[in-house]
Amino acid sequence: MEFKSLLEVARKALQRPWLGTGFDRDKIKARLGSIPSDLDAALQLAAEITPILTEGAHIKRFVNTMALRVEIASERGFQDDIKQSVLAKLMLAERFAPELFNAIARDASADGSKT
């Protein structure tokens, strides 16, 4: 029920995107009264990656890759160990700062302990 309600708000926002009203937290709160925690996490993640991934195709590819990695973690039984915000940042490092990503990967695999 919440999804259909939010979908209606989003469709209205997309009818006239040039008005710049968008689909934001205020509209969600106005419709639902409060923002569910899983939706809040998704909105936060979107806010963090949007400035970096500005082209639609890049965003779609990024989100699909992230969803696939989360699903693989779930199938392997360690989904509770994955924080999507951290995964997103690691994926951005993997794409845009490969030296940093490789250093993190080397450090993480050195002895398995937290640093």
N, C-alpha and C. Protein backbone atom coordinates (compact mmCIF):
# COMPACT_ATOMS: atom_id res chain seq x y z
N MET A 1 0.83 -1.19 0.00
CA MET A 1 0.00 0.00 0.00
C MET A 1 0.87 1.26 0.00
N GLU A 2 1.91 1.28 0.85
CA GLU A 2 2.80 2.43 0.88
C GLU A 2 3.48 2.65 -0.47
N PHE A 3 3.88 1.54 -1.09
CA PHE A 3 4.57 1.64 -2.37
C PHE A 3 3.68 2.31 -3.42
N LYS A 4 2.43 1.87 -3.51
CA LYS A 4 1.52 2.45 -4.50
C LYS A 4 1.29 3.93 -4.23
N SER A 5 1.21 4.28 -2.98
CA SER A 5 1.02 5.68 -2.61
C SER A 5 2.22 6.52 -3.03
N LEU A 6 3.42 6.00 -2.78
CA LEU A 6 4.64 6.73 -3.16
C LEU A 6 4.81 6.77 -4.68
N LEU A 7 4.41 5.71 -5.34
CA LEU A 7 4.50 5.66 -6.80
C LEU A 7 3.64 6.76 -7.41
N GLU A 8 2.49 6.99 -6.84
CA GLU A 8 1.61 8.06 -7.32
C GLU A 8 2.29 9.43 -7.17
N VAL A 9 2.92 9.66 -6.04
CA VAL A 9 3.63 10.93 -5.81
C VAL A 9 4.79 11.08 -6.80
N ALA A 10 5.54 10.01 -7.01
CA ALA A 10 6.68 10.05 -7.93
C ALA A 10 6.22 10.32 -9.37
N ARG A 11 5.14 9.69 -9.77
CA ARG A 11 4.64 9.90 -11.13
C ARG A 11 4.21 11.35 -11.34
N LYS A 12 3.59 11.94 -10.33
CA LYS A 12 3.21 13.35 -10.43
C LYS A 12 4.45 14.23 -10.58
N ALA A 13 5.49 13.92 -9.83
CA ALA A 13 6.73 14.71 -9.90
C ALA A 13 7.37 14.58 -11.27
N LEU A 14 7.26 13.41 -11.90
CA LEU A 14 7.88 13.18 -13.20
C LEU A 14 7.07 13.75 -14.36
N GLN A 15 5.81 14.08 -14.12
CA GLN A 15 5.00 14.64 -15.20
C GLN A 15 5.53 15.99 -15.68
N ARG A 16 6.07 16.77 -14.76
CA ARG A 16 6.62 18.10 -15.09
C ARG A 16 7.96 18.30 -14.38
N PRO A 17 8.97 17.55 -14.80
CA PRO A 17 10.26 17.62 -14.10
C PRO A 17 10.91 19.00 -14.17
N TRP A 18 10.57 19.79 -15.16
CA TRP A 18 11.17 21.11 -15.31
C TRP A 18 10.75 22.08 -14.20
N LEU A 19 9.70 21.72 -13.47
CA LEU A 19 9.29 22.56 -12.35
C LEU A 19 10.23 22.41 -11.16
N GLY A 20 10.99 21.32 -11.16
CA GLY A 20 11.99 21.11 -10.13
C GLY A 20 11.46 20.74 -8.76
N THR A 21 10.20 20.30 -8.70
CA THR A 21 9.65 19.95 -7.39
C THR A 21 10.19 18.62 -6.90
N GLY A 22 10.49 17.72 -7.81
CA GLY A 22 11.13 16.45 -7.46
C GLY A 22 10.32 15.56 -6.53
N PHE A 23 10.99 14.55 -6.08
CA PHE A 23 10.42 13.53 -5.20
C PHE A 23 11.36 13.46 -4.01
N ASP A 24 11.04 14.18 -2.96
CA ASP A 24 11.97 14.30 -1.85
C ASP A 24 11.37 13.83 -0.53
N ARG A 25 12.16 13.93 0.52
CA ARG A 25 11.74 13.49 1.85
C ARG A 25 10.46 14.18 2.31
N ASP A 26 10.34 15.47 2.01
CA ASP A 26 9.15 16.20 2.45
C ASP A 26 7.88 15.64 1.83
N LYS A 27 7.95 15.30 0.56
CA LYS A 27 6.77 14.73 -0.11
C LYS A 27 6.45 13.34 0.44
N ILE A 28 7.48 12.58 0.75
CA ILE A 28 7.26 11.25 1.32
C ILE A 28 6.63 11.37 2.69
N LYS A 29 7.16 12.27 3.51
CA LYS A 29 6.59 12.48 4.86
C LYS A 29 5.15 12.95 4.78
N ALA A 30 4.88 13.85 3.82
CA ALA A 30 3.51 14.35 3.67
C ALA A 30 2.54 13.23 3.32
N ARG A 31 3.01 12.27 2.52
CA ARG A 31 2.14 11.18 2.09
C ARG A 31 2.03 10.09 3.15
N LEU A 32 3.17 9.71 3.77
CA LEU A 32 3.18 8.58 4.69
C LEU A 32 3.15 8.97 6.16
N GLY A 33 3.48 10.19 6.46
CA GLY A 33 3.55 10.61 7.86
C GLY A 33 4.95 10.47 8.42
N SER A 34 5.64 9.42 8.05
CA SER A 34 7.04 9.21 8.43
C SER A 34 7.70 8.38 7.34
N ILE A 35 9.02 8.37 7.36
CA ILE A 35 9.76 7.63 6.35
C ILE A 35 10.22 6.30 6.95
N PRO A 36 9.80 5.16 6.36
CA PRO A 36 10.26 3.86 6.85
C PRO A 36 11.79 3.77 6.78
N SER A 37 12.39 3.04 7.71
CA SER A 37 13.85 3.01 7.82
C SER A 37 14.53 2.49 6.55
N ASP A 38 13.94 1.48 5.89
CA ASP A 38 14.57 0.97 4.67
C ASP A 38 14.53 2.00 3.55
N LEU A 39 13.45 2.75 3.46
CA LEU A 39 13.36 3.81 2.47
C LEU A 39 14.30 4.96 2.82
N ASP A 40 14.42 5.27 4.09
CA ASP A 40 15.34 6.32 4.53
C ASP A 40 16.77 5.96 4.15
N ALA A 41 17.15 4.70 4.33
CA ALA A 41 18.50 4.25 3.96
C ALA A 41 18.71 4.37 2.45
N ALA A 42 17.69 4.02 1.67
CA ALA A 42 17.79 4.13 0.21
C ALA A 42 17.92 5.58 -0.23
N LEU A 43 17.16 6.47 0.40
CA LEU A 43 17.25 7.89 0.08
C LEU A 43 18.63 8.46 0.42
N GLN A 44 19.18 8.03 1.56
CA GLN A 44 20.51 8.49 1.96
C GLN A 44 21.57 8.02 0.97
N LEU A 45 21.47 6.76 0.58
CA LEU A 45 22.41 6.21 -0.39
C LEU A 45 22.31 6.96 -1.72
N ALA A 46 21.09 7.22 -2.17
CA ALA A 46 20.89 7.97 -3.42
C ALA A 46 21.52 9.36 -3.33
N ALA A 47 21.35 10.01 -2.19
CA ALA A 47 21.91 11.35 -2.01
C ALA A 47 23.44 11.32 -2.06
N GLU A 48 24.03 10.23 -1.58
CA GLU A 48 25.49 10.13 -1.55
C GLU A 48 26.09 9.85 -2.92
N ILE A 49 25.42 9.04 -3.73
CA ILE A 49 26.01 8.64 -5.01
C ILE A 49 25.57 9.49 -6.19
N THR A 50 24.46 10.20 -6.07
CA THR A 50 23.95 10.98 -7.19
C THR A 50 24.94 12.01 -7.72
N PRO A 51 25.64 12.76 -6.87
CA PRO A 51 26.58 13.75 -7.42
C PRO A 51 27.71 13.12 -8.24
N ILE A 52 28.02 11.88 -7.97
CA ILE A 52 29.13 11.22 -8.66
C ILE A 52 28.65 10.53 -9.93
N LEU A 53 27.52 9.87 -9.82
CA LEU A 53 26.97 9.13 -10.96
C LEU A 53 25.84 9.95 -11.57
N THR A 54 26.18 10.90 -12.40
CA THR A 54 25.16 11.82 -12.90
C THR A 54 24.46 11.34 -14.16
N GLU A 55 25.02 10.43 -14.90
CA GLU A 55 24.40 9.95 -16.12
C GLU A 55 23.50 8.75 -15.81
N GLY A 56 22.31 8.76 -16.37
CA GLY A 56 21.32 7.72 -16.09
C GLY A 56 21.82 6.31 -16.29
N ALA A 57 22.54 6.07 -17.37
CA ALA A 57 23.04 4.72 -17.64
C ALA A 57 24.04 4.28 -16.58
N HIS A 58 24.87 5.21 -16.12
CA HIS A 58 25.85 4.88 -15.07
C HIS A 58 25.15 4.56 -13.76
N ILE A 59 24.13 5.34 -13.45
CA ILE A 59 23.37 5.09 -12.22
C ILE A 59 22.72 3.72 -12.28
N LYS A 60 22.08 3.41 -13.40
CA LYS A 60 21.39 2.12 -13.55
C LYS A 60 22.39 0.97 -13.42
N ARG A 61 23.51 1.08 -14.09
CA ARG A 61 24.53 0.03 -14.02
C ARG A 61 25.04 -0.14 -12.60
N PHE A 62 25.29 0.98 -11.92
CA PHE A 62 25.77 0.94 -10.55
C PHE A 62 24.76 0.26 -9.63
N VAL A 63 23.50 0.69 -9.72
CA VAL A 63 22.45 0.13 -8.86
C VAL A 63 22.25 -1.36 -9.14
N ASN A 64 22.26 -1.75 -10.40
CA ASN A 64 22.11 -3.17 -10.74
C ASN A 64 23.28 -4.00 -10.22
N THR A 65 24.49 -3.48 -10.36
CA THR A 65 25.67 -4.20 -9.85
C THR A 65 25.61 -4.32 -8.34
N MET A 66 25.21 -3.26 -7.68
CA MET A 66 25.10 -3.29 -6.23
C MET A 66 24.03 -4.29 -5.78
N ALA A 67 22.88 -4.28 -6.45
CA ALA A 67 21.81 -5.22 -6.12
C ALA A 67 22.29 -6.66 -6.32
N LEU A 68 23.04 -6.90 -7.37
CA LEU A 68 23.57 -8.24 -7.62
C LEU A 68 24.53 -8.66 -6.51
N ARG A 69 25.40 -7.77 -6.10
CA ARG A 69 26.35 -8.09 -5.03
C ARG A 69 25.64 -8.35 -3.70
N VAL A 70 24.61 -7.58 -3.42
CA VAL A 70 23.83 -7.80 -2.19
C VAL A 70 23.12 -9.16 -2.27
N GLU A 71 22.59 -9.49 -3.42
CA GLU A 71 21.89 -10.77 -3.59
C GLU A 71 22.88 -11.94 -3.46
N ILE A 72 24.07 -11.80 -4.00
CA ILE A 72 25.09 -12.84 -3.86
C ILE A 72 25.44 -13.03 -2.38
N ALA A 73 25.60 -11.92 -1.67
CA ALA A 73 25.88 -12.01 -0.22
C ALA A 73 24.75 -12.72 0.50
N SER A 74 23.53 -12.44 0.10
CA SER A 74 22.37 -13.09 0.72
C SER A 74 22.38 -14.59 0.45
N GLU A 75 22.65 -14.97 -0.78
CA GLU A 75 22.69 -16.39 -1.15
C GLU A 75 23.80 -17.13 -0.41
N ARG A 76 24.88 -16.44 -0.13
CA ARG A 76 26.00 -17.06 0.57
C ARG A 76 25.88 -16.96 2.08
N GLY A 77 24.82 -16.29 2.55
CA GLY A 77 24.52 -16.27 3.98
C GLY A 77 25.20 -15.20 4.80
N PHE A 78 25.77 -14.18 4.17
CA PHE A 78 26.40 -13.14 4.98
C PHE A 78 25.82 -11.75 4.68
N GLN A 79 24.54 -11.71 4.31
CA GLN A 79 23.89 -10.44 4.01
C GLN A 79 23.86 -9.49 5.21
N ASP A 80 23.82 -10.04 6.42
CA ASP A 80 23.79 -9.19 7.61
C ASP A 80 25.12 -8.49 7.86
N ASP A 81 26.18 -8.98 7.22
CA ASP A 81 27.50 -8.37 7.37
C ASP A 81 27.73 -7.24 6.36
N ILE A 82 26.81 -7.07 5.43
CA ILE A 82 26.96 -6.07 4.38
C ILE A 82 26.15 -4.82 4.72
N LYS A 83 26.84 -3.69 4.77
CA LYS A 83 26.17 -2.40 4.92
C LYS A 83 26.16 -1.76 3.54
N GLN A 84 24.97 -1.52 3.02
CA GLN A 84 24.87 -1.03 1.65
C GLN A 84 25.57 0.31 1.45
N SER A 85 25.57 1.16 2.45
CA SER A 85 26.26 2.45 2.29
C SER A 85 27.77 2.25 2.15
N VAL A 86 28.32 1.30 2.89
CA VAL A 86 29.76 1.00 2.79
C VAL A 86 30.06 0.33 1.45
N LEU A 87 29.20 -0.61 1.05
CA LEU A 87 29.37 -1.27 -0.24
C LEU A 87 29.36 -0.24 -1.37
N ALA A 88 28.44 0.71 -1.31
CA ALA A 88 28.36 1.74 -2.35
C ALA A 88 29.66 2.54 -2.42
N LYS A 89 30.19 2.90 -1.27
CA LYS A 89 31.43 3.68 -1.25
C LYS A 89 32.61 2.87 -1.78
N LEU A 90 32.64 1.59 -1.44
CA LEU A 90 33.70 0.73 -1.97
C LEU A 90 33.58 0.59 -3.48
N MET A 91 32.35 0.46 -3.97
CA MET A 91 32.14 0.35 -5.41
C MET A 91 32.55 1.64 -6.13
N LEU A 92 32.28 2.78 -5.51
CA LEU A 92 32.71 4.05 -6.10
C LEU A 92 34.23 4.13 -6.14
N ALA A 93 34.88 3.67 -5.07
CA ALA A 93 36.35 3.64 -5.05
C ALA A 93 36.86 2.68 -6.13
N GLU A 94 36.22 1.54 -6.26
CA GLU A 94 36.62 0.56 -7.27
C GLU A 94 36.57 1.18 -8.67
N ARG A 95 35.56 2.00 -8.91
CA ARG A 95 35.36 2.60 -10.24
C ARG A 95 36.22 3.85 -10.47
N PHE A 96 36.28 4.73 -9.47
CA PHE A 96 36.88 6.04 -9.68
C PHE A 96 38.24 6.24 -9.01
N ALA A 97 38.59 5.37 -8.07
CA ALA A 97 39.88 5.48 -7.39
C ALA A 97 40.46 4.07 -7.22
N PRO A 98 40.83 3.44 -8.33
CA PRO A 98 41.27 2.04 -8.26
C PRO A 98 42.47 1.80 -7.35
N GLU A 99 43.38 2.77 -7.25
CA GLU A 99 44.54 2.59 -6.36
C GLU A 99 44.08 2.51 -4.90
N LEU A 100 43.16 3.38 -4.54
CA LEU A 100 42.61 3.35 -3.18
C LEU A 100 41.88 2.04 -2.93
N PHE A 101 41.06 1.63 -3.89
CA PHE A 101 40.32 0.38 -3.74
C PHE A 101 41.27 -0.80 -3.58
N ASN A 102 42.31 -0.85 -4.40
CA ASN A 102 43.28 -1.95 -4.31
C ASN A 102 43.99 -1.95 -2.97
N ALA A 103 44.31 -0.77 -2.44
CA ALA A 103 44.95 -0.69 -1.12
C ALA A 103 44.01 -1.20 -0.04
N ILE A 104 42.74 -0.84 -0.13
CA ILE A 104 41.75 -1.33 0.84
C ILE A 104 41.62 -2.84 0.73
N ALA A 105 41.56 -3.36 -0.49
CA ALA A 105 41.43 -4.80 -0.70
C ALA A 105 42.65 -5.55 -0.16
N ARG A 106 43.84 -5.01 -0.42
CA ARG A 106 45.06 -5.65 0.11
C ARG A 106 45.05 -5.65 1.62
N ASP A 107 44.69 -4.53 2.21
CA ASP A 107 44.67 -4.42 3.67
C ASP A 107 43.64 -5.37 4.27
N ALA A 108 42.48 -5.45 3.65
CA ALA A 108 41.41 -6.31 4.17
C ALA A 108 41.76 -7.79 4.05
N SER A 109 42.51 -8.15 3.02
CA SER A 109 42.82 -9.56 2.83
C SER A 109 44.11 -10.00 3.49
N ALA A 110 44.87 -9.07 4.04
CA ALA A 110 46.17 -9.40 4.61
C ALA A 110 46.07 -10.45 5.70
N ASP A 111 45.24 -10.21 6.71
CA ASP A 111 45.10 -11.22 7.76
C ASP A 111 43.65 -11.39 8.21
N GLY A 112 42.75 -10.69 7.55
CA GLY A 112 41.34 -10.83 7.87
C GLY A 112 40.88 -10.04 9.08
N SER A 113 41.81 -9.36 9.74
CA SER A 113 41.41 -8.59 10.93
C SER A 113 40.99 -7.19 10.53
N LYS A 114 40.23 -6.54 11.40
CA LYS A 114 39.81 -5.17 11.15
C LYS A 114 40.98 -4.25 11.41
N THR A 115 41.07 -3.17 10.61
CA THR A 115 42.15 -2.20 10.81
C THR A 115 41.61 -0.89 11.31
